[in-house]
Protein backbone atom coordinates (compact mmCIF):
# COMPACT_ATOMS: atom_id res chain seq x y z
CA MET A 1 107.06 -25.87 39.76
CA LYS A 2 106.23 -28.91 41.73
CA THR A 3 108.64 -31.13 39.71
CA LEU A 4 111.75 -30.57 38.08
CA LEU A 5 113.90 -32.38 35.94
CA ALA A 6 116.79 -30.65 34.23
CA THR A 7 118.12 -32.12 30.85
CA LEU A 8 121.67 -30.60 30.82
CA GLY A 9 124.78 -31.06 29.20
CA LEU A 10 127.63 -29.24 31.01
CA LEU A 11 127.00 -29.56 34.60
CA THR A 12 128.79 -28.87 38.16
CA LEU A 13 127.61 -28.40 41.61
CA SER A 14 128.34 -27.14 45.21
CA ALA A 15 131.73 -27.08 46.65
CA SER A 16 133.03 -26.82 49.98
CA GLN A 17 135.49 -29.30 51.24
CA GLY A 18 135.00 -32.44 49.96
CA ALA A 19 135.62 -36.13 49.04
CA SER A 20 134.45 -39.19 49.97
CA GLN A 21 134.33 -42.63 48.13
CA PRO A 22 131.83 -44.34 50.36
CA PHE A 23 128.87 -43.44 48.13
CA PHE A 24 130.58 -45.21 45.18
CA ASN A 25 132.51 -48.22 46.59
CA ASN A 26 132.05 -49.98 42.94
CA LEU A 27 134.09 -47.73 41.19
CA ASN A 28 137.73 -47.95 40.64
CA ILE A 29 138.69 -44.65 42.55
CA GLN A 30 142.48 -43.24 42.86
CA SER A 31 142.62 -40.18 45.28
CA SER A 32 144.42 -36.89 43.76
CA GLU A 33 145.84 -33.87 45.89
CA LEU A 34 145.60 -31.75 42.79
CA SER A 35 143.33 -28.91 42.51
CA LEU A 36 140.32 -28.48 39.65
CA VAL A 37 142.71 -26.18 37.62
CA GLU A 38 145.90 -28.09 38.11
CA TYR A 39 144.17 -31.28 37.09
CA VAL A 40 142.72 -30.22 34.04
CA ASP A 41 145.75 -28.40 32.78
CA GLN A 42 147.85 -31.60 33.31
CA ASN A 43 145.42 -34.05 31.75
CA LYS A 44 145.39 -33.85 27.99
CA ARG A 45 144.52 -37.52 27.27
CA SER A 46 141.00 -38.31 25.50
CA ASP A 47 138.37 -39.99 27.36
CA GLN A 48 139.09 -39.79 30.79
CA TRP A 49 136.86 -38.88 34.03
CA PHE A 50 137.60 -37.20 37.41
CA ALA A 51 135.18 -36.44 40.20
CA TYR A 52 135.27 -34.23 43.37
CA SER A 53 132.40 -33.53 46.04
CA ILE A 54 130.99 -30.45 47.62
CA PRO A 55 128.29 -29.60 50.39
CA ALA A 56 124.85 -29.23 48.82
CA ALA A 57 123.03 -26.15 48.94
CA GLU A 58 120.14 -26.11 51.67
CA GLU A 59 116.88 -28.41 50.44
CA THR A 60 118.88 -29.80 47.73
CA ARG A 61 117.25 -33.14 46.02
CA SER A 62 119.65 -35.87 45.33
CA MET A 63 119.93 -35.66 41.58
CA CYS A 64 120.86 -38.59 39.14
CA CYS A 65 120.36 -39.84 35.58
CA TYR A 66 117.16 -39.99 33.87
CA GLN A 67 116.16 -42.07 30.80
CA HIS A 68 112.72 -42.13 29.35
CA GLY A 69 111.36 -40.21 32.42
CA GLU A 70 112.69 -42.81 35.03
CA GLU A 71 115.59 -42.65 37.45
CA SER A 72 118.42 -44.94 36.49
CA VAL A 73 122.15 -45.73 37.03
CA CYS A 74 124.58 -43.17 35.65
CA ASP A 75 126.80 -45.18 33.50
CA LEU A 76 129.91 -43.28 32.78
CA LYS A 77 130.58 -45.37 29.51
CA LYS A 78 127.30 -44.62 27.94
CA SER A 79 125.39 -41.32 27.01
CA GLN A 80 122.93 -40.30 29.56
CA TYR A 81 119.41 -38.78 28.57
CA GLY A 82 119.46 -36.13 31.16
CA TYR A 83 120.33 -35.43 34.88
CA GLY A 84 118.50 -33.73 37.39
CA SER A 85 115.89 -34.18 40.39
CA SER A 86 112.50 -34.59 41.14
CA SER A 87 110.17 -33.25 44.01
CA ASP A 88 109.99 -36.96 44.91
CA SER A 89 113.74 -37.27 45.38
CA PRO A 90 115.29 -37.45 48.88
CA LEU A 91 117.71 -34.50 50.05
CA THR A 92 121.20 -34.76 49.68
CA ASP A 93 123.87 -33.50 52.06
CA GLN A 94 126.57 -33.32 49.09
CA VAL A 95 126.79 -32.97 45.46
CA HIS A 96 129.35 -35.29 43.53
CA PHE A 97 130.99 -33.98 40.25
CA PHE A 98 131.99 -36.33 37.67
CA VAL A 99 133.84 -34.48 34.89
CA HIS A 100 134.89 -35.81 31.35
CA LEU A 101 137.72 -34.39 29.96
CA ASN A 102 138.55 -34.97 26.13
CA ASN A 103 142.11 -33.94 25.20
CA GLY A 104 142.04 -31.45 27.98
CA GLN A 105 138.63 -29.95 27.32
CA VAL A 106 135.81 -30.35 29.48
CA ASP A 107 132.84 -31.72 27.77
CA GLN A 108 130.52 -32.72 30.22
CA VAL A 109 129.95 -32.44 33.88
CA MET A 110 127.79 -35.01 35.64
CA PRO A 111 126.45 -33.98 39.18
CA VAL A 112 124.82 -36.86 41.19
CA GLY A 113 123.95 -36.81 44.86
CA ASP A 114 124.08 -39.13 47.72
CA HIS A 115 121.41 -41.44 46.51
CA CYS A 116 122.51 -41.89 42.93
CA ALA A 117 124.11 -45.15 41.84
CA VAL A 118 127.35 -44.52 39.51
CA LYS A 119 129.40 -47.21 37.55
CA ALA A 120 132.06 -47.13 34.88
CA ASP A 121 133.17 -50.66 34.28
CA GLY A 122 136.75 -50.87 33.72
CA MET A 123 137.54 -47.12 34.11
CA GLU A 124 139.98 -45.30 36.76
CA ILE A 125 138.31 -42.42 38.26
CA ALA A 126 140.48 -39.80 39.81
CA TRP A 127 139.03 -38.06 42.72
CA LEU A 128 140.15 -34.85 43.89
CA GLU A 129 140.16 -34.84 47.57
CA HIS A 130 140.49 -31.08 48.40
CA VAL A 131 137.95 -29.12 46.27
CA THR A 132 136.48 -26.05 48.25
CA THR A 133 133.12 -24.43 47.31
CA THR A 134 134.95 -21.45 46.16
CA GLN A 135 137.39 -23.28 43.84
CA SER A 136 134.43 -25.02 42.34
CA LEU A 137 132.22 -21.95 41.95
CA GLN A 138 135.35 -19.89 40.24
CA TRP A 139 136.15 -22.83 37.98
CA LEU A 140 132.37 -23.40 36.94
CA THR A 141 131.77 -19.76 36.52
CA THR A 142 134.83 -19.87 34.04
CA GLN A 143 133.46 -22.95 32.13
CA VAL A 144 130.26 -21.09 32.05
CA LYS A 145 131.59 -17.89 30.16
CA SER A 146 133.71 -20.00 27.74
CA ALA A 147 131.10 -22.56 26.93
CA ALA A 148 128.77 -23.02 23.92
CA GLN A 149 125.31 -21.74 25.03
CA GLU A 150 123.77 -25.24 25.38
CA GLN A 151 126.68 -26.20 27.80
CA ALA A 152 126.38 -22.93 29.79
CA SER A 153 123.03 -23.68 30.72
CA GLY A 154 124.24 -26.92 32.56
CA GLY A 155 126.90 -24.78 34.35
CA LEU A 156 124.28 -22.38 35.25
CA TYR A 157 122.11 -25.26 36.94
CA ALA A 158 125.43 -26.51 38.74
CA ILE A 159 126.15 -22.94 40.06
CA SER A 160 122.69 -22.77 41.72
CA LEU A 161 123.28 -25.80 43.56
CA HIS A 162 126.35 -24.35 45.53
CA PRO A 163 125.51 -23.30 49.21
CA GLY A 164 125.77 -19.94 50.28
CA GLN A 165 125.54 -16.37 49.32
CA ALA A 166 128.65 -16.70 46.93
CA ALA A 167 126.64 -18.82 44.51
CA THR A 168 123.55 -16.44 44.25
CA SER A 169 126.13 -13.68 43.62
CA ALA A 170 127.75 -15.45 40.94
CA LEU A 171 124.06 -16.08 39.11
CA PHE A 172 123.46 -12.56 39.66
CA ALA A 173 126.54 -11.35 38.05
CA LEU A 174 125.96 -13.95 34.90
CA ALA A 175 122.56 -12.78 34.56
CA THR A 176 123.46 -9.11 34.29
CA GLU A 177 126.37 -9.73 31.94
CA GLN A 178 124.55 -10.62 28.85
CA GLN A 179 121.01 -9.92 27.42
CA ASP A 180 120.17 -13.45 25.87
CA ASP A 181 119.28 -17.05 26.87
CA TYR A 182 122.54 -17.35 29.13
CA SER A 183 120.87 -14.53 31.04
CA GLU A 184 117.34 -15.95 31.00
CA GLN A 185 118.78 -19.16 32.43
CA ALA A 186 120.72 -17.42 35.20
CA VAL A 187 117.41 -15.74 36.31
CA PHE A 188 115.41 -19.25 36.42
CA TRP A 189 118.00 -20.67 38.66
CA LEU A 190 117.85 -17.62 40.88
CA GLY A 191 114.08 -18.54 41.00
CA GLN A 192 115.06 -22.08 42.22
CA ARG A 193 117.07 -20.66 45.27
CA GLN A 194 115.94 -20.23 48.68
CA ASP A 195 118.15 -16.94 48.93
CA GLY A 196 117.14 -15.73 45.38
CA PHE A 197 114.44 -13.18 46.11
CA ALA A 198 116.56 -10.12 46.91
CA SER A 199 118.57 -10.88 43.62
CA LEU A 200 115.64 -10.96 41.70
CA GLN A 201 114.11 -7.69 43.23
CA LYS A 202 117.52 -5.99 42.26
CA LEU A 203 117.46 -7.27 38.70
CA LEU A 204 113.97 -5.91 38.22
CA GLN A 205 115.30 -2.68 39.10
CA GLU A 206 118.46 -2.85 37.02
CA LEU A 207 117.92 -4.74 34.02
CA PRO A 208 116.51 -3.01 30.73
CA VAL A 209 112.96 -3.56 29.55
CA GLY A 210 113.11 -6.93 27.63
CA GLU A 211 112.80 -10.85 27.38
CA VAL A 212 115.53 -11.37 30.27
CA ARG A 213 113.77 -8.74 32.61
CA ARG A 214 110.43 -10.54 31.68
CA HIS A 215 111.75 -13.86 32.83
CA ILE A 216 111.91 -12.57 36.58
CA ASN A 217 107.93 -12.98 36.75
CA PHE A 218 108.22 -16.82 36.37
CA ALA A 219 111.31 -17.03 38.72
CA LEU A 220 109.41 -15.16 41.36
CA SER A 221 106.40 -17.54 40.78
CA GLN A 222 108.88 -20.09 41.88
CA GLN A 223 109.84 -18.45 45.46
CA HIS A 224 106.77 -19.40 47.28
CA SER A 225 106.89 -16.55 49.44
CA THR A 226 104.47 -13.46 50.39
CA THR A 227 107.38 -11.22 49.46
CA ALA A 228 107.64 -12.76 46.09
CA VAL A 229 104.00 -12.77 45.49
CA ASP A 230 103.52 -9.13 46.53
CA LEU A 231 106.47 -8.06 43.96
CA LEU A 232 104.52 -10.09 41.37
CA LYS A 233 101.49 -8.24 42.27
CA GLU A 234 103.28 -4.76 42.14
CA VAL A 235 104.68 -5.79 38.58
CA ALA A 236 101.03 -6.92 37.47
CA GLN A 237 99.75 -3.38 38.64
CA HIS A 238 102.16 -0.73 37.86
CA ASP A 239 105.28 -2.11 35.74
CA GLN A 240 106.62 0.25 32.92
CA ASP A 241 106.59 -2.81 30.45
CA GLN A 242 102.91 -3.73 29.45
CA GLN A 243 104.06 -7.21 28.21
CA GLN A 244 105.60 -7.79 31.67
CA GLN A 245 102.56 -6.87 33.62
CA ALA A 246 100.69 -9.08 31.45
CA ASP A 247 102.80 -12.05 31.91
CA ALA A 248 103.03 -10.99 35.71
CA ILE A 249 99.07 -11.53 35.72
CA PHE A 250 99.39 -14.95 34.26
CA TRP A 251 102.15 -16.44 36.48
CA LEU A 252 100.05 -15.07 39.46
CA SER A 253 97.57 -17.51 38.27
CA GLN A 254 100.08 -20.46 38.69
CA THR A 255 101.21 -19.47 41.84
CA ASP A 256 99.52 -21.25 45.13
CA ASP A 257 100.50 -18.70 47.63
CA VAL A 258 97.86 -15.84 46.28
CA VAL A 259 95.21 -14.81 48.51
CA ASP A 260 92.00 -13.22 46.96
CA LEU A 261 93.64 -13.38 43.51
CA PRO A 262 89.94 -13.16 41.67
CA ALA A 263 89.14 -10.06 43.79
CA PHE A 264 92.86 -8.77 42.89
CA LEU A 265 92.18 -9.26 39.36
CA ILE A 266 88.79 -8.03 39.09
CA ASP A 267 90.31 -4.75 40.93
CA LEU A 268 93.28 -4.48 38.49
CA MET A 269 90.91 -4.63 35.42
CA SER A 270 88.84 -1.94 36.69
CA HIS A 271 92.12 0.40 36.95
CA THR A 272 93.95 -0.21 33.23
CA GLU A 273 92.75 0.76 29.98
CA HIS A 274 94.99 -1.84 27.99
CA LEU A 275 92.82 -4.46 26.39
CA GLU A 276 95.71 -6.96 26.45
CA ILE A 277 96.00 -6.35 30.41
CA LYS A 278 92.11 -7.32 30.61
CA GLU A 279 92.20 -10.24 28.60
CA LYS A 280 95.21 -11.98 30.30
CA ALA A 281 93.45 -10.95 33.63
CA VAL A 282 90.41 -12.90 32.07
CA PHE A 283 92.59 -15.88 31.18
CA SER A 284 94.08 -16.05 34.51
CA LEU A 285 90.74 -16.08 36.23
CA SER A 286 90.20 -19.16 34.03
CA GLN A 287 93.30 -20.76 35.67
CA ILE A 288 92.02 -20.55 39.10
CA ASN A 289 89.86 -23.54 40.00
CA THR A 290 87.67 -21.94 42.64
CA GLU A 291 84.19 -20.87 42.94
CA ALA A 292 85.09 -17.05 43.60
CA ALA A 293 86.99 -17.22 40.21
CA LYS A 294 83.86 -18.73 38.56
CA GLU A 295 81.90 -16.11 39.84
CA ALA A 296 84.23 -13.69 38.82
CA LEU A 297 83.90 -14.81 35.29
CA ALA A 298 80.17 -15.06 35.32
CA GLY A 299 79.87 -11.17 36.70
CA LEU A 300 82.40 -10.23 33.73
CA VAL A 301 79.92 -11.82 31.33
CA LYS A 302 77.03 -10.05 32.99
CA ASP A 303 78.28 -6.46 33.78
CA HIS A 304 81.76 -5.76 32.18
CA LEU A 305 81.59 -2.61 29.62
CA ASP A 306 83.96 -4.16 27.15
CA GLU A 307 82.43 -6.55 24.56
CA GLU A 308 85.90 -8.27 24.19
CA VAL A 309 86.14 -9.03 27.88
CA ARG A 310 82.40 -10.32 28.21
CA GLU A 311 82.93 -12.61 25.03
CA GLN A 312 86.25 -13.70 26.69
CA ALA A 313 84.96 -14.53 29.88
CA LEU A 314 82.02 -16.35 28.56
CA PHE A 315 84.24 -18.74 26.31
CA TRP A 316 86.55 -19.37 29.59
CA LEU A 317 83.47 -19.96 31.80
CA ALA A 318 82.28 -22.49 29.49
CA GLN A 319 85.57 -24.50 29.50
CA ASN A 320 85.85 -24.46 33.25
CA SER A 321 82.43 -24.74 34.66
CA PRO A 322 79.86 -25.77 31.71
CA ASP A 323 77.08 -25.69 34.24
CA ARG A 324 77.43 -22.03 35.18
CA ALA A 325 78.30 -21.19 31.65
CA ARG A 326 74.98 -22.57 29.97
CA PRO A 327 72.78 -19.88 32.23
CA VAL A 328 74.81 -17.10 31.64
CA ALA A 329 74.69 -17.74 27.79
CA MET A 330 71.26 -18.26 27.67
CA ASN A 331 70.84 -15.00 29.55
CA VAL A 332 72.96 -13.18 26.92
CA LEU A 333 70.61 -14.35 24.24
CA ARG A 334 67.76 -13.26 26.47
CA THR A 335 69.02 -9.88 27.22
CA SER A 336 71.43 -8.73 24.37
CA VAL A 337 70.39 -7.12 21.03
CA ASP A 338 74.01 -6.99 19.71
CA ALA A 339 74.61 -9.58 16.98
CA SER A 340 77.90 -10.31 17.74
CA GLN A 341 77.35 -11.10 21.52
CA GLN A 342 74.58 -13.40 20.18
CA GLU A 343 76.55 -15.39 17.88
CA HIS A 344 79.09 -16.00 20.46
CA ALA A 345 76.85 -16.89 23.13
CA VAL A 346 75.49 -19.50 20.59
CA PHE A 347 78.96 -20.69 19.85
CA VAL A 348 80.01 -20.86 23.62
CA LEU A 349 76.66 -23.39 24.09
CA SER A 350 77.91 -25.46 21.01
CA GLN A 351 81.25 -26.03 22.99
CA LEU A 352 79.35 -27.53 26.07
CA PRO A 353 80.38 -30.96 26.82
CA GLY A 354 78.29 -34.10 25.68
CA LYS A 355 74.52 -33.69 25.51
CA GLN A 356 74.61 -30.57 27.33
CA SER A 357 75.44 -28.76 24.02
CA SER A 358 72.67 -30.22 21.96
CA GLU A 359 70.12 -29.69 24.77
CA ALA A 360 70.90 -26.16 25.00
CA LEU A 361 70.82 -25.62 21.29
CA PHE A 362 67.61 -27.34 20.93
CA THR A 363 66.44 -25.08 23.54
CA VAL A 364 67.52 -22.19 21.37
CA VAL A 365 66.04 -23.64 17.97
CA GLU A 366 62.63 -24.17 20.01
CA GLY A 367 62.30 -21.11 22.01
CA ALA A 368 61.48 -17.39 21.55
CA TYR A 369 64.81 -16.26 20.02
CA PRO A 370 65.50 -14.11 16.90
CA ARG A 371 65.68 -16.12 13.61
CA SER A 372 69.42 -15.53 13.12
CA VAL A 373 70.00 -16.77 16.60
CA LYS A 374 68.05 -19.95 15.65
CA LYS A 375 69.99 -20.29 12.19
CA GLN A 376 73.15 -20.19 14.07
CA ALA A 377 72.00 -22.72 16.48
CA LEU A 378 70.74 -25.21 13.75
CA PHE A 379 74.38 -24.84 11.99
CA TRP A 380 75.96 -26.01 15.15
CA LEU A 381 73.61 -29.02 15.43
CA SER A 382 73.94 -30.06 12.04
CA GLN A 383 77.74 -30.03 12.73
CA SER A 384 77.00 -33.24 15.24
CA GLY A 385 77.74 -36.75 14.69
CA ASP A 386 75.23 -38.02 16.93
CA ASP A 387 72.66 -40.16 15.23
CA ALA A 388 70.01 -38.92 18.18
CA VAL A 389 70.70 -35.38 17.42
CA ILE A 390 70.18 -35.84 13.60
CA SER A 391 67.15 -37.85 14.11
CA ARG A 392 65.64 -34.91 16.31
CA LEU A 393 66.75 -32.22 13.98
CA GLU A 394 64.69 -34.46 11.11
CA GLN A 395 61.41 -34.07 13.30
CA LEU A 396 61.70 -30.40 13.19
CA PHE A 397 61.22 -30.10 9.21
């Protein structure tokens, strides 16, 4: 995932020792010696903010507010469209949490990085000076467990930004507690952590077959390591859940770190009897923009024993490499006597871009091909809105 912008409601972040107002000199800040729990318990007014800081997890990008896809100043007096960071954001050493209380209830936690501007005209912000990472994790985990589903997603994001193994362990525990979107989000954020692989591997072994377990595939694809790729390959080849296998094949095609993936997919197809796995492998080949992948698709059209596989390979080849797809489709028309394959080949020719399509179809109409094939080519030509094509058709009759 090259860019990540999290749109979140309930958030908090890494904590260890914290403080410091230098980043927010324009805010009216009042220092507080209270702990997180003490402060929340003792403040029951409506519409009040407090804040604290903690060290950020390694390689954390500075998060800020976003409006209409652009980073903006975080205004505590206005509703924000989203919070998060992108791959272009600078690294941050600390995460600063601005927490909104309404009658003693937490209804928003907004994390910002060192490079984010915050304003709150006319408001006083209590700054908790002695919040540790452990305290923040414990408090945030409690918030996640008691929050509504939408708010819990933000809390899980916040936990993922804490430094150290304790944050990873917290996400692992939350992933195993409930088999729903709550758990899926925990798996997702484990995939964003540099130390998340061991937990994902363990979850793959321990979670029951189902949607939460299948989300591990995407999380592994975000790890950008050979060990994660190797595990994803193992899932694609041998997992007990056929749907998880198919999903793993797709995410392999979206990962930059896979060596010789076309050869791996072709080999996988030769060792499975499941059509869903074969079809997913064909589609995944279409997602790989290399000559080896295009050659593999052309080879499937020519040599694979399964008609469905041949037809899909030809279709995706036409989408990715029209120049290569045209001669392959024409070869099908010359060599195949199967009416379905011939019909599909003509359809593929009709989907070629621009004039390539009409030129190929006219070649069929004017060539030594079966009458049924020519009729199909004429049909697709008749659907053209190009005056030159219509004029040329009229000259044929």
